[in-house]
Amino acid sequence: SDYIGSENKRARRYEQLTPETIMFIEEVERVTGVRVSLISTQFD
C-alpha cells in the first residue's frame, strides 16, 4: 500500500491510510465481492 502513497508507511489502522488507498481498497472489494482483510504498509 506504500506504493500508492508513502504516507501509508506510518499507518497502523485502516483509518490512517491515505484517502486514495482507502478508495483503492473499496474498489478491490467491490470488484471481487471479497473483503480486504490484511494490508501491508511497507516491506516489513
All heavy atoms as atom14 arrays in JSON, in Angstrom:
{
  "sequence": "SDYIGSENKRARRYEQLTPETIMFIEEVERVTGVRVSLISTQFD",
  "atom14_mask": [
    [1, 1, 1, 1, 1, 1, 0, 0, 0, 0, 0, 0, 0, 0],
    [1, 1, 1, 1, 1, 1, 1, 1, 0, 0, 0, 0, 0, 0],
    [1, 1, 1, 1, 1, 1, 1, 1, 1, 1, 1, 1, 0, 0],
    [1, 1, 1, 1, 1, 1, 1, 1, 0, 0, 0, 0, 0, 0],
    [1, 1, 1, 1, 0, 0, 0, 0, 0, 0, 0, 0, 0, 0],
    [1, 1, 1, 1, 1, 1, 0, 0, 0, 0, 0, 0, 0, 0],
    [1, 1, 1, 1, 1, 1, 1, 1, 1, 0, 0, 0, 0, 0],
    [1, 1, 1, 1, 1, 1, 1, 1, 0, 0, 0, 0, 0, 0],
    [1, 1, 1, 1, 1, 1, 1, 1, 1, 0, 0, 0, 0, 0],
    [1, 1, 1, 1, 1, 1, 1, 1, 1, 1, 1, 0, 0, 0],
    [1, 1, 1, 1, 1, 0, 0, 0, 0, 0, 0, 0, 0, 0],
    [1, 1, 1, 1, 1, 1, 1, 1, 1, 1, 1, 0, 0, 0],
    [1, 1, 1, 1, 1, 1, 1, 1, 1, 1, 1, 0, 0, 0],
    [1, 1, 1, 1, 1, 1, 1, 1, 1, 1, 1, 1, 0, 0],
    [1, 1, 1, 1, 1, 1, 1, 1, 1, 0, 0, 0, 0, 0],
    [1, 1, 1, 1, 1, 1, 1, 1, 1, 0, 0, 0, 0, 0],
    [1, 1, 1, 1, 1, 1, 1, 1, 0, 0, 0, 0, 0, 0],
    [1, 1, 1, 1, 1, 1, 1, 0, 0, 0, 0, 0, 0, 0],
    [1, 1, 1, 1, 1, 1, 1, 0, 0, 0, 0, 0, 0, 0],
    [1, 1, 1, 1, 1, 1, 1, 1, 1, 0, 0, 0, 0, 0],
    [1, 1, 1, 1, 1, 1, 1, 0, 0, 0, 0, 0, 0, 0],
    [1, 1, 1, 1, 1, 1, 1, 1, 0, 0, 0, 0, 0, 0],
    [1, 1, 1, 1, 1, 1, 1, 1, 0, 0, 0, 0, 0, 0],
    [1, 1, 1, 1, 1, 1, 1, 1, 1, 1, 1, 0, 0, 0],
    [1, 1, 1, 1, 1, 1, 1, 1, 0, 0, 0, 0, 0, 0],
    [1, 1, 1, 1, 1, 1, 1, 1, 1, 0, 0, 0, 0, 0],
    [1, 1, 1, 1, 1, 1, 1, 1, 1, 0, 0, 0, 0, 0],
    [1, 1, 1, 1, 1, 1, 1, 0, 0, 0, 0, 0, 0, 0],
    [1, 1, 1, 1, 1, 1, 1, 1, 1, 0, 0, 0, 0, 0],
    [1, 1, 1, 1, 1, 1, 1, 1, 1, 1, 1, 0, 0, 0],
    [1, 1, 1, 1, 1, 1, 1, 0, 0, 0, 0, 0, 0, 0],
    [1, 1, 1, 1, 1, 1, 1, 0, 0, 0, 0, 0, 0, 0],
    [1, 1, 1, 1, 0, 0, 0, 0, 0, 0, 0, 0, 0, 0],
    [1, 1, 1, 1, 1, 1, 1, 0, 0, 0, 0, 0, 0, 0],
    [1, 1, 1, 1, 1, 1, 1, 1, 1, 1, 1, 0, 0, 0],
    [1, 1, 1, 1, 1, 1, 1, 0, 0, 0, 0, 0, 0, 0],
    [1, 1, 1, 1, 1, 1, 0, 0, 0, 0, 0, 0, 0, 0],
    [1, 1, 1, 1, 1, 1, 1, 1, 0, 0, 0, 0, 0, 0],
    [1, 1, 1, 1, 1, 1, 1, 1, 0, 0, 0, 0, 0, 0],
    [1, 1, 1, 1, 1, 1, 0, 0, 0, 0, 0, 0, 0, 0],
    [1, 1, 1, 1, 1, 1, 1, 0, 0, 0, 0, 0, 0, 0],
    [1, 1, 1, 1, 1, 1, 1, 1, 1, 0, 0, 0, 0, 0],
    [1, 1, 1, 1, 1, 1, 1, 1, 1, 1, 1, 0, 0, 0],
    [1, 1, 1, 1, 1, 1, 1, 1, 0, 0, 0, 0, 0, 0]
  ],
  "atom14_positions": [
    [[0.83, -1.21, 0.0], [0.0, 0.0, 0.0], [0.86, 1.26, 0.0], [0.41, 2.32, -0.41], [-0.96, 0.01, 1.19], [-0.27, 0.19, 2.41], [0.0, 0.0, 0.0], [0.0, 0.0, 0.0], [0.0, 0.0, 0.0], [0.0, 0.0, 0.0], [0.0, 0.0, 0.0], [0.0, 0.0, 0.0], [0.0, 0.0, 0.0], [0.0, 0.0, 0.0]],
    [[2.13, 1.14, 0.42], [3.04, 2.29, 0.38], [3.35, 2.71, -1.06], [3.75, 3.84, -1.3], [4.32, 2.03, 1.16], [5.07, 0.78, 0.72], [4.41, -0.21, 0.33], [6.31, 0.79, 0.79], [0.0, 0.0, 0.0], [0.0, 0.0, 0.0], [0.0, 0.0, 0.0], [0.0, 0.0, 0.0], [0.0, 0.0, 0.0], [0.0, 0.0, 0.0]],
    [[3.12, 1.83, -2.02], [3.3, 2.19, -3.43], [2.17, 3.11, -3.92], [2.31, 3.76, -4.95], [3.36, 0.95, -4.32], [4.7, 0.24, -4.32], [5.67, 0.47, -3.35], [4.98, -0.69, -5.3], [6.87, -0.21, -3.37], [6.19, -1.37, -5.33], [7.14, -1.12, -4.37], [8.33, -1.79, -4.4], [0.0, 0.0, 0.0], [0.0, 0.0, 0.0]],
    [[1.08, 3.18, -3.19], [0.01, 4.13, -3.51], [0.37, 5.5, -2.92], [0.16, 6.52, -3.55], [-1.35, 3.64, -3.01], [-1.73, 2.33, -3.71], [-2.43, 4.71, -3.23], [-2.99, 1.68, -3.19], [0.0, 0.0, 0.0], [0.0, 0.0, 0.0], [0.0, 0.0, 0.0], [0.0, 0.0, 0.0], [0.0, 0.0, 0.0], [0.0, 0.0, 0.0]],
    [[0.89, 5.49, -1.71], [1.32, 6.72, -1.05], [2.29, 6.4, 0.06], [2.0, 5.55, 0.91], [0.0, 0.0, 0.0], [0.0, 0.0, 0.0], [0.0, 0.0, 0.0], [0.0, 0.0, 0.0], [0.0, 0.0, 0.0], [0.0, 0.0, 0.0], [0.0, 0.0, 0.0], [0.0, 0.0, 0.0], [0.0, 0.0, 0.0], [0.0, 0.0, 0.0]],
    [[3.44, 7.06, 0.06], [4.47, 6.77, 1.08], [3.96, 7.03, 2.49], [4.45, 6.44, 3.45], [5.72, 7.6, 0.81], [5.44, 8.98, 0.87], [0.0, 0.0, 0.0], [0.0, 0.0, 0.0], [0.0, 0.0, 0.0], [0.0, 0.0, 0.0], [0.0, 0.0, 0.0], [0.0, 0.0, 0.0], [0.0, 0.0, 0.0], [0.0, 0.0, 0.0]],
    [[2.93, 7.87, 2.63], [2.35, 8.16, 3.95], [1.78, 6.92, 4.61], [1.64, 6.86, 5.82], [1.24, 9.22, 3.83], [1.66, 10.5, 3.15], [1.46, 10.46, 1.64], [1.27, 9.37, 1.05], [1.49, 11.51, 1.02], [0.0, 0.0, 0.0], [0.0, 0.0, 0.0], [0.0, 0.0, 0.0], [0.0, 0.0, 0.0], [0.0, 0.0, 0.0]],
    [[1.43, 5.92, 3.79], [0.86, 4.68, 4.33], [1.85, 3.92, 5.22], [1.43, 3.11, 6.03], [0.36, 3.77, 3.2], [-0.87, 4.34, 2.54], [-1.7, 4.98, 3.18], [-0.99, 4.13, 1.24], [0.0, 0.0, 0.0], [0.0, 0.0, 0.0], [0.0, 0.0, 0.0], [0.0, 0.0, 0.0], [0.0, 0.0, 0.0], [0.0, 0.0, 0.0]],
    [[3.13, 4.21, 5.07], [4.13, 3.55, 5.91], [3.88, 3.81, 7.4], [4.21, 2.99, 8.24], [5.54, 4.02, 5.57], [6.07, 3.44, 4.3], [7.5, 3.9, 4.12], [8.19, 3.02, 3.12], [9.61, 3.21, 3.12], [0.0, 0.0, 0.0], [0.0, 0.0, 0.0], [0.0, 0.0, 0.0], [0.0, 0.0, 0.0], [0.0, 0.0, 0.0]],
    [[3.31, 4.96, 7.72], [3.07, 5.32, 9.12], [1.73, 4.81, 9.63], [1.45, 4.88, 10.83], [3.12, 6.84, 9.27], [4.52, 7.4, 9.02], [4.6, 8.88, 9.33], [3.72, 9.7, 8.52], [4.01, 10.18, 7.33], [5.16, 9.91, 6.78], [3.15, 10.94, 6.67], [0.0, 0.0, 0.0], [0.0, 0.0, 0.0], [0.0, 0.0, 0.0]],
    [[0.88, 4.3, 8.75], [-0.46, 3.86, 9.16], [-0.39, 2.58, 9.98], [0.31, 1.64, 9.62], [-1.34, 3.65, 7.93], [0.0, 0.0, 0.0], [0.0, 0.0, 0.0], [0.0, 0.0, 0.0], [0.0, 0.0, 0.0], [0.0, 0.0, 0.0], [0.0, 0.0, 0.0], [0.0, 0.0, 0.0], [0.0, 0.0, 0.0], [0.0, 0.0, 0.0]],
    [[-1.13, 2.57, 11.07], [-1.25, 1.37, 11.91], [-2.69, 0.88, 11.97], [-2.96, -0.2, 12.43], [-0.75, 1.64, 13.34], [0.73, 2.01, 13.42], [1.61, 0.84, 13.0], [3.01, 1.21, 12.9], [3.65, 1.46, 11.77], [3.01, 1.42, 10.62], [4.91, 1.77, 11.75], [0.0, 0.0, 0.0], [0.0, 0.0, 0.0], [0.0, 0.0, 0.0]],
    [[-3.61, 1.74, 11.51], [-5.04, 1.41, 11.45], [-5.57, 1.81, 10.08], [-5.03, 2.71, 9.43], [-5.82, 2.16, 12.54], [-5.46, 1.74, 13.94], [-6.39, 2.37, 15.01], [-6.76, 3.76, 14.76], [-6.05, 4.81, 15.17], [-4.93, 4.65, 15.83], [-6.47, 6.03, 14.91], [0.0, 0.0, 0.0], [0.0, 0.0, 0.0], [0.0, 0.0, 0.0]],
    [[-6.65, 1.16, 9.66], [-7.24, 1.4, 8.35], [-7.54, 2.88, 8.13], [-7.25, 3.43, 7.07], [-8.52, 0.56, 8.23], [-9.22, 0.69, 6.91], [-8.71, 0.06, 5.78], [-10.39, 1.42, 6.78], [-9.35, 0.15, 4.55], [-11.04, 1.51, 5.56], [-10.51, 0.89, 4.45], [-11.14, 0.99, 3.24], [0.0, 0.0, 0.0], [0.0, 0.0, 0.0]],
    [[-8.07, 3.54, 9.13], [-8.47, 4.94, 9.02], [-7.28, 5.87, 8.78], [-7.45, 7.01, 8.37], [-9.21, 5.4, 10.28], [-10.47, 4.62, 10.58], [-10.2, 3.25, 11.22], [-9.14, 3.06, 11.86], [-11.05, 2.37, 11.04], [0.0, 0.0, 0.0], [0.0, 0.0, 0.0], [0.0, 0.0, 0.0], [0.0, 0.0, 0.0], [0.0, 0.0, 0.0]],
    [[-6.07, 5.4, 9.06], [-4.86, 6.22, 8.88], [-4.29, 6.13, 7.46], [-3.36, 6.87, 7.13], [-3.8, 5.8, 9.9], [-4.2, 6.08, 11.33], [-3.21, 5.52, 12.33], [-2.6, 4.49, 12.11], [-3.07, 6.21, 13.45], [0.0, 0.0, 0.0], [0.0, 0.0, 0.0], [0.0, 0.0, 0.0], [0.0, 0.0, 0.0], [0.0, 0.0, 0.0]],
    [[-4.82, 5.24, 6.64], [-4.37, 5.14, 5.25], [-4.8, 6.39, 4.48], [-5.77, 7.06, 4.86], [-4.96, 3.9, 4.59], [-4.5, 2.56, 5.16], [-5.38, 1.43, 4.64], [-3.03, 2.31, 4.83], [0.0, 0.0, 0.0], [0.0, 0.0, 0.0], [0.0, 0.0, 0.0], [0.0, 0.0, 0.0], [0.0, 0.0, 0.0], [0.0, 0.0, 0.0]],
    [[-4.12, 6.69, 3.39], [-4.49, 7.85, 2.59], [-5.87, 7.63, 1.96], [-6.28, 6.49, 1.74], [-3.46, 8.09, 1.46], [-3.5, 6.98, 0.56], [-2.07, 8.3, 2.01], [0.0, 0.0, 0.0], [0.0, 0.0, 0.0], [0.0, 0.0, 0.0], [0.0, 0.0, 0.0], [0.0, 0.0, 0.0], [0.0, 0.0, 0.0], [0.0, 0.0, 0.0]],
    [[-6.57, 8.72, 1.67], [-7.88, 8.58, 1.01], [-7.81, 7.8, -0.3], [-8.69, 7.01, -0.61], [-8.32, 10.03, 0.77], [-7.6, 10.82, 1.82], [-6.28, 10.11, 2.01], [0.0, 0.0, 0.0], [0.0, 0.0, 0.0], [0.0, 0.0, 0.0], [0.0, 0.0, 0.0], [0.0, 0.0, 0.0], [0.0, 0.0, 0.0], [0.0, 0.0, 0.0]],
    [[-6.72, 7.99, -1.07], [-6.56, 7.25, -2.34], [-6.45, 5.75, -2.08], [-6.98, 4.94, -2.85], [-5.3, 7.74, -3.08], [-5.37, 9.16, -3.56], [-5.0, 10.18, -2.47], [-4.49, 9.8, -1.4], [-5.26, 11.37, -2.7], [0.0, 0.0, 0.0], [0.0, 0.0, 0.0], [0.0, 0.0, 0.0], [0.0, 0.0, 0.0], [0.0, 0.0, 0.0]],
    [[-5.76, 5.39, -1.02], [-5.59, 3.98, -0.68], [-6.91, 3.37, -0.24], [-7.26, 2.27, -0.65], [-4.53, 3.81, 0.43], [-3.32, 4.44, -0.01], [-4.28, 2.35, 0.72], [0.0, 0.0, 0.0], [0.0, 0.0, 0.0], [0.0, 0.0, 0.0], [0.0, 0.0, 0.0], [0.0, 0.0, 0.0], [0.0, 0.0, 0.0], [0.0, 0.0, 0.0]],
    [[-7.65, 4.09, 0.57], [-8.96, 3.59, 1.02], [-9.89, 3.43, -0.18], [-10.6, 2.42, -0.29], [-9.56, 4.53, 2.09], [-8.72, 4.39, 3.39], [-11.03, 4.22, 2.34], [-9.08, 5.37, 4.48], [0.0, 0.0, 0.0], [0.0, 0.0, 0.0], [0.0, 0.0, 0.0], [0.0, 0.0, 0.0], [0.0, 0.0, 0.0], [0.0, 0.0, 0.0]],
    [[-9.86, 4.37, -1.13], [-10.69, 4.23, -2.33], [-10.26, 3.01, -3.15], [-11.11, 2.29, -3.68], [-10.61, 5.5, -3.19], [-11.4, 6.64, -2.61], [-11.36, 8.23, -3.51], [-10.63, 7.89, -5.05], [0.0, 0.0, 0.0], [0.0, 0.0, 0.0], [0.0, 0.0, 0.0], [0.0, 0.0, 0.0], [0.0, 0.0, 0.0], [0.0, 0.0, 0.0]],
    [[-8.95, 2.78, -3.26], [-8.44, 1.62, -3.98], [-8.94, 0.33, -3.32], [-9.42, -0.58, -3.99], [-6.9, 1.66, -4.01], [-6.28, 0.54, -4.78], [-6.11, 0.63, -6.15], [-5.86, -0.61, -4.14], [-5.53, -0.4, -6.87], [-5.27, -1.66, -4.85], [-5.11, -1.55, -6.22], [0.0, 0.0, 0.0], [0.0, 0.0, 0.0], [0.0, 0.0, 0.0]],
    [[-8.85, 0.25, -2.01], [-9.29, -0.94, -1.27], [-10.79, -1.15, -1.46], [-11.23, -2.28, -1.69], [-8.91, -0.82, 0.22], [-7.38, -0.93, 0.36], [-9.62, -1.88, 1.06], [-6.85, -0.52, 1.72], [0.0, 0.0, 0.0], [0.0, 0.0, 0.0], [0.0, 0.0, 0.0], [0.0, 0.0, 0.0], [0.0, 0.0, 0.0], [0.0, 0.0, 0.0]],
    [[-11.56, -0.09, -1.36], [-13.01, -0.21, -1.56], [-13.34, -0.71, -2.96], [-14.27, -1.5, -3.14], [-13.69, 1.13, -1.29], [-13.7, 1.48, 0.19], [-14.21, 2.9, 0.47], [-14.43, 3.69, -0.49], [-14.39, 3.22, 1.66], [0.0, 0.0, 0.0], [0.0, 0.0, 0.0], [0.0, 0.0, 0.0], [0.0, 0.0, 0.0], [0.0, 0.0, 0.0]],
    [[-12.57, -0.28, -3.96], [-12.8, -0.75, -5.33], [-12.41, -2.22, -5.47], [-13.1, -2.98, -6.15], [-12.03, 0.11, -6.33], [-12.32, -0.19, -7.77], [-13.73, 0.14, -8.21], [-14.52, 0.72, -7.43], [-14.08, -0.22, -9.35], [0.0, 0.0, 0.0], [0.0, 0.0, 0.0], [0.0, 0.0, 0.0], [0.0, 0.0, 0.0], [0.0, 0.0, 0.0]],
    [[-11.32, -2.64, -4.84], [-10.94, -4.06, -4.84], [-12.08, -4.89, -4.26], [-12.47, -5.92, -4.82], [-9.62, -4.3, -4.06], [-9.39, -5.79, -3.81], [-8.44, -3.71, -4.81], [0.0, 0.0, 0.0], [0.0, 0.0, 0.0], [0.0, 0.0, 0.0], [0.0, 0.0, 0.0], [0.0, 0.0, 0.0], [0.0, 0.0, 0.0], [0.0, 0.0, 0.0]],
    [[-12.64, -4.44, -3.15], [-13.75, -5.16, -2.51], [-14.99, -5.18, -3.4], [-15.68, -6.19, -3.48], [-14.05, -4.54, -1.15], [-12.93, -4.75, -0.15], [-13.14, -4.07, 1.18], [-13.86, -3.03, 1.24], [-12.59, -4.56, 2.18], [0.0, 0.0, 0.0], [0.0, 0.0, 0.0], [0.0, 0.0, 0.0], [0.0, 0.0, 0.0], [0.0, 0.0, 0.0]],
    [[-15.27, -4.07, -4.07], [-16.44, -4.01, -4.95], [-16.28, -4.94, -6.14], [-17.18, -5.69, -6.5], [-16.67, -2.57, -5.44], [-17.99, -2.41, -6.21], [-18.06, -1.07, -6.9], [-17.12, -0.92, -8.0], [-17.21, -1.55, -9.18], [-18.2, -2.39, -9.42], [-16.31, -1.34, -10.13], [0.0, 0.0, 0.0], [0.0, 0.0, 0.0], [0.0, 0.0, 0.0]],
    [[-15.1, -4.93, -6.76], [-14.85, -5.74, -7.95], [-14.87, -7.23, -7.63], [-15.38, -8.03, -8.41], [-13.5, -5.34, -8.6], [-13.03, -6.36, -9.62], [-13.62, -3.97, -9.25], [0.0, 0.0, 0.0], [0.0, 0.0, 0.0], [0.0, 0.0, 0.0], [0.0, 0.0, 0.0], [0.0, 0.0, 0.0], [0.0, 0.0, 0.0], [0.0, 0.0, 0.0]],
    [[-14.35, -7.61, -6.48], [-14.24, -9.03, -6.13], [-15.39, -9.54, -5.28], [-15.64, -10.75, -5.24], [-12.93, -9.3, -5.35], [-12.96, -8.57, -4.11], [-11.72, -8.94, -6.17], [0.0, 0.0, 0.0], [0.0, 0.0, 0.0], [0.0, 0.0, 0.0], [0.0, 0.0, 0.0], [0.0, 0.0, 0.0], [0.0, 0.0, 0.0], [0.0, 0.0, 0.0]],
    [[-16.05, -8.65, -4.56], [-17.06, -9.08, -3.6], [-16.44, -9.72, -2.36], [-17.11, -10.44, -1.63], [0.0, 0.0, 0.0], [0.0, 0.0, 0.0], [0.0, 0.0, 0.0], [0.0, 0.0, 0.0], [0.0, 0.0, 0.0], [0.0, 0.0, 0.0], [0.0, 0.0, 0.0], [0.0, 0.0, 0.0], [0.0, 0.0, 0.0], [0.0, 0.0, 0.0]],
    [[-15.16, -9.45, -2.15], [-14.4, -10.06, -1.05], [-13.75, -8.96, -0.23], [-13.26, -7.97, -0.79], [-13.32, -11.01, -1.61], [-12.48, -11.61, -0.51], [-13.96, -12.11, -2.44], [0.0, 0.0, 0.0], [0.0, 0.0, 0.0], [0.0, 0.0, 0.0], [0.0, 0.0, 0.0], [0.0, 0.0, 0.0], [0.0, 0.0, 0.0], [0.0, 0.0, 0.0]],
    [[-13.73, -9.13, 1.08], [-13.15, -8.13, 1.97], [-11.61, -8.16, 1.92], [-11.01, -9.23, 1.9], [-13.6, -8.39, 3.4], [-13.09, -7.39, 4.42], [-13.73, -7.66, 5.77], [-13.16, -6.88, 6.83], [-13.54, -5.65, 7.17], [-14.5, -5.07, 6.48], [-12.97, -5.02, 8.16], [0.0, 0.0, 0.0], [0.0, 0.0, 0.0], [0.0, 0.0, 0.0]],
    [[-11.02, -6.96, 1.89], [-9.57, -6.84, 2.04], [-9.3, -6.85, 3.54], [-9.61, -5.89, 4.25], [-9.03, -5.55, 1.38], [-7.54, -5.39, 1.66], [-9.29, -5.57, -0.12], [0.0, 0.0, 0.0], [0.0, 0.0, 0.0], [0.0, 0.0, 0.0], [0.0, 0.0, 0.0], [0.0, 0.0, 0.0], [0.0, 0.0, 0.0], [0.0, 0.0, 0.0]],
    [[-8.77, -7.96, 4.03], [-8.6, -8.17, 5.46], [-7.24, -7.76, 5.99], [-7.11, -7.36, 7.14], [-8.83, -9.64, 5.8], [-10.12, -10.04, 5.42], [0.0, 0.0, 0.0], [0.0, 0.0, 0.0], [0.0, 0.0, 0.0], [0.0, 0.0, 0.0], [0.0, 0.0, 0.0], [0.0, 0.0, 0.0], [0.0, 0.0, 0.0], [0.0, 0.0, 0.0]],
    [[-6.21, -7.92, 5.17], [-4.85, -7.6, 5.58], [-4.24, -6.62, 4.59], [-4.39, -6.79, 3.38], [-3.99, -8.87, 5.63], [-4.45, -9.96, 6.61], [-3.67, -11.24, 6.36], [-4.3, -9.49, 8.04], [0.0, 0.0, 0.0], [0.0, 0.0, 0.0], [0.0, 0.0, 0.0], [0.0, 0.0, 0.0], [0.0, 0.0, 0.0], [0.0, 0.0, 0.0]],
    [[-3.57, -5.6, 5.11], [-2.97, -4.57, 4.26], [-1.54, -4.33, 4.75], [-1.34, -3.94, 5.91], [-3.77, -3.25, 4.35], [-5.24, -3.5, 4.0], [-3.14, -2.18, 3.46], [-6.19, -2.5, 4.62], [0.0, 0.0, 0.0], [0.0, 0.0, 0.0], [0.0, 0.0, 0.0], [0.0, 0.0, 0.0], [0.0, 0.0, 0.0], [0.0, 0.0, 0.0]],
    [[-0.57, -4.58, 3.87], [0.81, -4.28, 4.26], [1.09, -2.82, 3.95], [0.73, -2.31, 2.89], [1.81, -5.2, 3.56], [1.99, -4.83, 2.22], [0.0, 0.0, 0.0], [0.0, 0.0, 0.0], [0.0, 0.0, 0.0], [0.0, 0.0, 0.0], [0.0, 0.0, 0.0], [0.0, 0.0, 0.0], [0.0, 0.0, 0.0], [0.0, 0.0, 0.0]],
    [[1.75, -2.16, 4.9], [2.03, -0.73, 4.75], [3.47, -0.45, 4.37], [3.8, 0.68, 4.04], [1.68, 0.02, 6.05], [2.41, -0.55, 7.13], [0.18, -0.06, 6.32], [0.0, 0.0, 0.0], [0.0, 0.0, 0.0], [0.0, 0.0, 0.0], [0.0, 0.0, 0.0], [0.0, 0.0, 0.0], [0.0, 0.0, 0.0], [0.0, 0.0, 0.0]],
    [[4.32, -1.45, 4.48], [5.69, -1.37, 3.96], [6.3, -2.75, 3.97], [5.74, -3.69, 4.52], [6.54, -0.35, 4.72], [6.71, -0.58, 6.19], [7.59, 0.49, 6.81], [8.69, 0.73, 6.36], [7.08, 1.15, 7.83], [0.0, 0.0, 0.0], [0.0, 0.0, 0.0], [0.0, 0.0, 0.0], [0.0, 0.0, 0.0], [0.0, 0.0, 0.0]],
    [[7.45, -2.88, 3.36], [8.1, -4.17, 3.16], [8.76, -4.61, 4.46], [9.98, -4.54, 4.63], [9.1, -4.08, 2.02], [9.55, -5.42, 1.5], [8.65, -6.3, 0.95], [10.88, -5.78, 1.54], [9.06, -7.53, 0.46], [11.31, -7.0, 1.05], [10.39, -7.87, 0.51], [0.0, 0.0, 0.0], [0.0, 0.0, 0.0], [0.0, 0.0, 0.0]],
    [[7.93, -5.07, 5.41], [8.4, -5.49, 6.72], [7.3, -6.36, 7.36], [6.13, -6.07, 7.21], [8.68, -4.26, 7.6], [9.29, -4.62, 8.93], [8.53, -5.0, 9.84], [10.52, -4.54, 9.06], [0.0, 0.0, 0.0], [0.0, 0.0, 0.0], [0.0, 0.0, 0.0], [0.0, 0.0, 0.0], [0.0, 0.0, 0.0], [0.0, 0.0, 0.0]]
  ]
}
